Amino acid sequence: MASALNDVLWQRISEELAQRNLHFRDLWSKLDRDKNTFTNWKHKKTIPQISDLEELAYALGVHPAELLRPNRGGEKLQSMPEQLALQFEPGSKNARIEVECTPGGLLLRFPRKSA
Protein backbone atom coordinates (compact mmCIF):
# COMPACT_ATOMS: atom_id res chain seq x y z
CA MET A 1 0.00 0.00 0.00
CA ALA A 2 2.74 2.46 0.93
CA SER A 3 4.53 1.75 -2.34
CA ALA A 4 1.39 2.41 -4.41
CA LEU A 5 0.71 5.63 -2.51
CA ASN A 6 4.31 6.72 -3.05
CA ASP A 7 3.88 6.04 -6.78
CA VAL A 8 0.76 8.24 -6.84
CA LEU A 9 2.61 10.96 -4.90
CA TRP A 10 5.50 11.18 -7.36
CA GLN A 11 3.23 10.90 -10.38
CA ARG A 12 1.18 13.84 -9.08
CA ILE A 13 4.32 15.83 -8.24
CA SER A 14 5.57 15.23 -11.80
CA GLU A 15 2.22 16.43 -13.18
CA GLU A 16 2.21 19.55 -10.99
CA LEU A 17 5.77 20.38 -12.03
CA ALA A 18 4.94 19.88 -15.72
CA GLN A 19 1.90 22.19 -15.43
CA ARG A 20 4.18 24.89 -14.04
CA ASN A 21 6.98 24.20 -16.54
CA LEU A 22 9.30 23.38 -13.62
CA HIS A 23 11.80 20.59 -12.98
CA PHE A 24 12.61 18.49 -9.91
CA ARG A 25 15.62 20.71 -9.20
CA ASP A 26 13.25 23.69 -8.96
CA LEU A 27 11.19 21.86 -6.35
CA TRP A 28 14.28 20.72 -4.45
CA SER A 29 15.53 24.33 -4.26
CA LYS A 30 12.32 25.28 -2.40
CA LEU A 31 12.71 22.57 0.24
CA ASP A 32 14.72 22.54 3.43
CA ARG A 33 16.23 19.13 2.66
CA ASP A 34 19.63 17.99 1.47
CA LYS A 35 19.99 16.67 -2.06
CA ASN A 36 20.43 13.04 -0.91
CA THR A 37 17.12 13.04 0.95
CA PHE A 38 15.30 14.53 -2.03
CA THR A 39 16.99 12.08 -4.45
CA ASN A 40 16.04 9.12 -2.24
CA TRP A 41 12.42 10.31 -2.25
CA LYS A 42 12.40 10.89 -5.99
CA HIS A 43 13.85 7.44 -6.74
CA LYS A 44 11.46 5.91 -4.18
CA LYS A 45 14.22 4.55 -1.95
CA THR A 46 12.56 6.20 1.05
CA ILE A 47 9.01 7.42 1.66
CA PRO A 48 8.40 11.02 2.72
CA GLN A 49 6.79 11.59 6.13
CA ILE A 50 3.51 13.53 6.45
CA SER A 51 5.39 16.70 7.41
CA ASP A 52 7.48 16.23 4.23
CA LEU A 53 4.30 15.82 2.18
CA GLU A 54 2.98 19.08 3.61
CA GLU A 55 6.25 20.82 2.72
CA LEU A 56 6.20 19.39 -0.82
CA ALA A 57 2.60 20.54 -1.28
CA TYR A 58 3.39 24.01 0.06
CA ALA A 59 6.34 24.32 -2.32
CA LEU A 60 4.02 23.42 -5.22
CA GLY A 61 1.20 25.65 -4.02
CA VAL A 62 -1.34 22.84 -3.70
CA HIS A 63 -3.28 21.17 -0.91
CA PRO A 64 -1.45 18.05 0.41
CA ALA A 65 -4.42 15.85 -0.52
CA GLU A 66 -3.89 16.88 -4.16
CA LEU A 67 -0.63 14.95 -4.13
CA LEU A 68 -2.18 11.74 -2.81
CA ARG A 69 -5.02 11.15 -5.18
CA PRO A 70 -4.86 9.90 -8.74
CA ASN A 71 -5.25 12.51 -11.44
CA ARG A 72 -8.85 12.79 -12.56
CA GLY A 73 -8.56 14.84 -15.72
CA GLY A 74 -7.26 17.97 -14.06
CA GLU A 75 -9.92 18.02 -11.33
CA LYS A 76 -8.66 20.02 -8.34
CA LEU A 77 -9.74 20.13 -4.72
CA GLN A 78 -11.50 23.26 -3.66
CA SER A 79 -9.54 25.54 -1.41
CA MET A 80 -10.29 24.67 2.20
CA PRO A 81 -10.78 27.36 4.81
CA GLU A 82 -8.61 27.25 7.92
CA GLN A 83 -11.64 27.88 10.12
CA LEU A 84 -15.36 27.35 9.78
CA ALA A 85 -17.62 30.07 11.19
CA LEU A 86 -21.14 28.98 12.10
CA GLN A 87 -23.93 31.43 12.86
CA PHE A 88 -26.37 30.68 15.67
CA GLU A 89 -29.54 32.33 16.86
CA PRO A 90 -29.02 35.33 19.16
CA GLY A 91 -29.06 34.30 22.83
CA SER A 92 -28.43 30.66 22.01
CA LYS A 93 -26.12 28.93 24.49
CA ASN A 94 -25.65 25.65 22.69
CA ALA A 95 -26.15 23.89 19.38
CA ARG A 96 -26.51 20.34 18.23
CA ILE A 97 -24.44 19.33 15.22
CA GLU A 98 -24.29 15.95 13.50
CA VAL A 99 -21.03 15.15 11.74
CA GLU A 100 -20.74 12.50 9.03
CA CYS A 101 -17.45 11.44 7.48
CA THR A 102 -17.76 10.72 3.74
CA PRO A 103 -15.18 10.00 1.02
CA GLY A 104 -15.62 13.60 -0.14
CA GLY A 105 -15.14 15.17 3.29
CA LEU A 106 -17.17 15.97 6.37
CA LEU A 107 -20.89 16.73 6.31
CA LEU A 108 -22.24 18.95 9.07
CA ARG A 109 -25.96 18.84 9.79
CA PHE A 110 -28.03 20.91 12.18
CA PRO A 111 -30.97 18.73 13.27
CA ARG A 112 -34.29 20.49 13.33
CA LYS A 113 -35.89 21.05 16.71
CA SER A 114 -38.79 18.72 17.31
CA ALA A 115 -42.11 20.45 17.95
C-alpha atoms as a PDB file:
ATOM      1  CA  MET A   1       0.000   0.000   0.000  1.00  0.00           C
ATOM      2  CA  ALA A   2       2.740   2.465   0.926  1.00  0.00           C
ATOM      3  CA  SER A   3       4.533   1.754  -2.340  1.00  0.00           C
ATOM      4  CA  ALA A   4       1.392   2.410  -4.408  1.00  0.00           C
ATOM      5  CA  LEU A   5       0.714   5.626  -2.508  1.00  0.00           C
ATOM      6  CA  ASN A   6       4.307   6.719  -3.047  1.00  0.00           C
ATOM      7  CA  ASP A   7       3.881   6.042  -6.784  1.00  0.00           C
ATOM      8  CA  VAL A   8       0.764   8.239  -6.844  1.00  0.00           C
ATOM      9  CA  LEU A   9       2.606  10.956  -4.897  1.00  0.00           C
ATOM     10  CA  TRP A  10       5.496  11.184  -7.358  1.00  0.00           C
ATOM     11  CA  GLN A  11       3.232  10.900 -10.383  1.00  0.00           C
ATOM     12  CA  ARG A  12       1.178  13.836  -9.076  1.00  0.00           C
ATOM     13  CA  ILE A  13       4.322  15.829  -8.238  1.00  0.00           C
ATOM     14  CA  SER A  14       5.565  15.229 -11.803  1.00  0.00           C
ATOM     15  CA  GLU A  15       2.223  16.431 -13.183  1.00  0.00           C
ATOM     16  CA  GLU A  16       2.211  19.546 -10.990  1.00  0.00           C
ATOM     17  CA  LEU A  17       5.773  20.383 -12.033  1.00  0.00           C
ATOM     18  CA  ALA A  18       4.942  19.879 -15.718  1.00  0.00           C
ATOM     19  CA  GLN A  19       1.903  22.188 -15.427  1.00  0.00           C
ATOM     20  CA  ARG A  20       4.181  24.892 -14.042  1.00  0.00           C
ATOM     21  CA  ASN A  21       6.983  24.201 -16.542  1.00  0.00           C
ATOM     22  CA  LEU A  22       9.298  23.377 -13.619  1.00  0.00           C
ATOM     23  CA  HIS A  23      11.803  20.590 -12.981  1.00  0.00           C
ATOM     24  CA  PHE A  24      12.605  18.494  -9.914  1.00  0.00           C
ATOM     25  CA  ARG A  25      15.622  20.706  -9.199  1.00  0.00           C
ATOM     26  CA  ASP A  26      13.254  23.694  -8.957  1.00  0.00           C
ATOM     27  CA  LEU A  27      11.188  21.857  -6.353  1.00  0.00           C
ATOM     28  CA  TRP A  28      14.282  20.724  -4.445  1.00  0.00           C
ATOM     29  CA  SER A  29      15.526  24.334  -4.263  1.00  0.00           C
ATOM     30  CA  LYS A  30      12.323  25.284  -2.398  1.00  0.00           C
ATOM     31  CA  LEU A  31      12.710  22.566   0.244  1.00  0.00           C
ATOM     32  CA  ASP A  32      14.717  22.544   3.426  1.00  0.00           C
ATOM     33  CA  ARG A  33      16.232  19.128   2.658  1.00  0.00           C
ATOM     34  CA  ASP A  34      19.628  17.989   1.470  1.00  0.00           C
ATOM     35  CA  LYS A  35      19.993  16.665  -2.059  1.00  0.00           C
ATOM     36  CA  ASN A  36      20.431  13.037  -0.907  1.00  0.00           C
ATOM     37  CA  THR A  37      17.118  13.036   0.953  1.00  0.00           C
ATOM     38  CA  PHE A  38      15.303  14.529  -2.035  1.00  0.00           C
ATOM     39  CA  THR A  39      16.988  12.083  -4.448  1.00  0.00           C
ATOM     40  CA  ASN A  40      16.038   9.115  -2.242  1.00  0.00           C
ATOM     41  CA  TRP A  41      12.422  10.307  -2.251  1.00  0.00           C
ATOM     42  CA  LYS A  42      12.401  10.892  -5.991  1.00  0.00           C
ATOM     43  CA  HIS A  43      13.853   7.443  -6.737  1.00  0.00           C
ATOM     44  CA  LYS A  44      11.456   5.907  -4.177  1.00  0.00           C
ATOM     45  CA  LYS A  45      14.215   4.552  -1.948  1.00  0.00           C
ATOM     46  CA  THR A  46      12.563   6.200   1.053  1.00  0.00           C
ATOM     47  CA  ILE A  47       9.008   7.417   1.659  1.00  0.00           C
ATOM     48  CA  PRO A  48       8.396  11.025   2.720  1.00  0.00           C
ATOM     49  CA  GLN A  49       6.787  11.593   6.128  1.00  0.00           C
ATOM     50  CA  ILE A  50       3.511  13.530   6.453  1.00  0.00           C
ATOM     51  CA  SER A  51       5.392  16.697   7.406  1.00  0.00           C
ATOM     52  CA  ASP A  52       7.477  16.225   4.232  1.00  0.00           C
ATOM     53  CA  LEU A  53       4.303  15.818   2.176  1.00  0.00           C
ATOM     54  CA  GLU A  54       2.983  19.085   3.611  1.00  0.00           C
ATOM     55  CA  GLU A  55       6.253  20.822   2.722  1.00  0.00           C
ATOM     56  CA  LEU A  56       6.199  19.386  -0.823  1.00  0.00           C
ATOM     57  CA  ALA A  57       2.598  20.537  -1.285  1.00  0.00           C
ATOM     58  CA  TYR A  58       3.387  24.009   0.065  1.00  0.00           C
ATOM     59  CA  ALA A  59       6.336  24.322  -2.324  1.00  0.00           C
ATOM     60  CA  LEU A  60       4.019  23.418  -5.221  1.00  0.00           C
ATOM     61  CA  GLY A  61       1.200  25.654  -4.016  1.00  0.00           C
ATOM     62  CA  VAL A  62      -1.338  22.835  -3.699  1.00  0.00           C
ATOM     63  CA  HIS A  63      -3.283  21.166  -0.906  1.00  0.00           C
ATOM     64  CA  PRO A  64      -1.449  18.054   0.412  1.00  0.00           C
ATOM     65  CA  ALA A  65      -4.422  15.853  -0.523  1.00  0.00           C
ATOM     66  CA  GLU A  66      -3.890  16.876  -4.158  1.00  0.00           C
ATOM     67  CA  LEU A  67      -0.634  14.951  -4.133  1.00  0.00           C
ATOM     68  CA  LEU A  68      -2.176  11.735  -2.812  1.00  0.00           C
ATOM     69  CA  ARG A  69      -5.024  11.153  -5.175  1.00  0.00           C
ATOM     70  CA  PRO A  70      -4.855   9.902  -8.741  1.00  0.00           C
ATOM     71  CA  ASN A  71      -5.245  12.506 -11.444  1.00  0.00           C
ATOM     72  CA  ARG A  72      -8.851  12.794 -12.565  1.00  0.00           C
ATOM     73  CA  GLY A  73      -8.558  14.845 -15.721  1.00  0.00           C
ATOM     74  CA  GLY A  74      -7.257  17.971 -14.057  1.00  0.00           C
ATOM     75  CA  GLU A  75      -9.916  18.019 -11.330  1.00  0.00           C
ATOM     76  CA  LYS A  76      -8.661  20.023  -8.341  1.00  0.00           C
ATOM     77  CA  LEU A  77      -9.741  20.127  -4.721  1.00  0.00           C
ATOM     78  CA  GLN A  78     -11.500  23.265  -3.661  1.00  0.00           C
ATOM     79  CA  SER A  79      -9.540  25.543  -1.410  1.00  0.00           C
ATOM     80  CA  MET A  80     -10.286  24.667   2.202  1.00  0.00           C
ATOM     81  CA  PRO A  81     -10.780  27.358   4.812  1.00  0.00           C
ATOM     82  CA  GLU A  82      -8.612  27.254   7.925  1.00  0.00           C
ATOM     83  CA  GLN A  83     -11.645  27.884  10.118  1.00  0.00           C
ATOM     84  CA  LEU A  84     -15.361  27.352   9.777  1.00  0.00           C
ATOM     85  CA  ALA A  85     -17.618  30.072  11.191  1.00  0.00           C
ATOM     86  CA  LEU A  86     -21.143  28.980  12.098  1.00  0.00           C
ATOM     87  CA  GLN A  87     -23.933  31.431  12.856  1.00  0.00           C
ATOM     88  CA  PHE A  88     -26.365  30.679  15.675  1.00  0.00           C
ATOM     89  CA  GLU A  89     -29.541  32.328  16.857  1.00  0.00           C
ATOM     90  CA  PRO A  90     -29.019  35.330  19.162  1.00  0.00           C
ATOM     91  CA  GLY A  91     -29.060  34.304  22.828  1.00  0.00           C
ATOM     92  CA  SER A  92     -28.430  30.657  22.008  1.00  0.00           C
ATOM     93  CA  LYS A  93     -26.122  28.931  24.491  1.00  0.00           C
ATOM     94  CA  ASN A  94     -25.650  25.645  22.688  1.00  0.00           C
ATOM     95  CA  ALA A  95     -26.149  23.893  19.382  1.00  0.00           C
ATOM     96  CA  ARG A  96     -26.507  20.340  18.227  1.00  0.00           C
ATOM     97  CA  ILE A  97     -24.439  19.326  15.217  1.00  0.00           C
ATOM     98  CA  GLU A  98     -24.289  15.950  13.503  1.00  0.00           C
ATOM     99  CA  VAL A  99     -21.026  15.155  11.745  1.00  0.00           C
ATOM    100  CA  GLU A 100     -20.738  12.503   9.030  1.00  0.00           C
ATOM    101  CA  CYS A 101     -17.449  11.443   7.481  1.00  0.00           C
ATOM    102  CA  THR A 102     -17.758  10.721   3.738  1.00  0.00           C
ATOM    103  CA  PRO A 103     -15.184   9.999   1.023  1.00  0.00           C
ATOM    104  CA  GLY A 104     -15.623  13.600  -0.141  1.00  0.00           C
ATOM    105  CA  GLY A 105     -15.143  15.170   3.285  1.00  0.00           C
ATOM    106  CA  LEU A 106     -17.174  15.971   6.365  1.00  0.00           C
ATOM    107  CA  LEU A 107     -20.890  16.732   6.313  1.00  0.00           C
ATOM    108  CA  LEU A 108     -22.244  18.948   9.069  1.00  0.00           C
ATOM    109  CA  ARG A 109     -25.959  18.841   9.794  1.00  0.00           C
ATOM    110  CA  PHE A 110     -28.027  20.913  12.183  1.00  0.00           C
ATOM    111  CA  PRO A 111     -30.966  18.727  13.266  1.00  0.00           C
ATOM    112  CA  ARG A 112     -34.293  20.485  13.326  1.00  0.00           C
ATOM    113  CA  LYS A 113     -35.893  21.048  16.710  1.00  0.00           C
ATOM    114  CA  SER A 114     -38.794  18.722  17.308  1.00  0.00           C
ATOM    115  CA  ALA A 115     -42.114  20.451  17.946  1.00  0.00           C
END
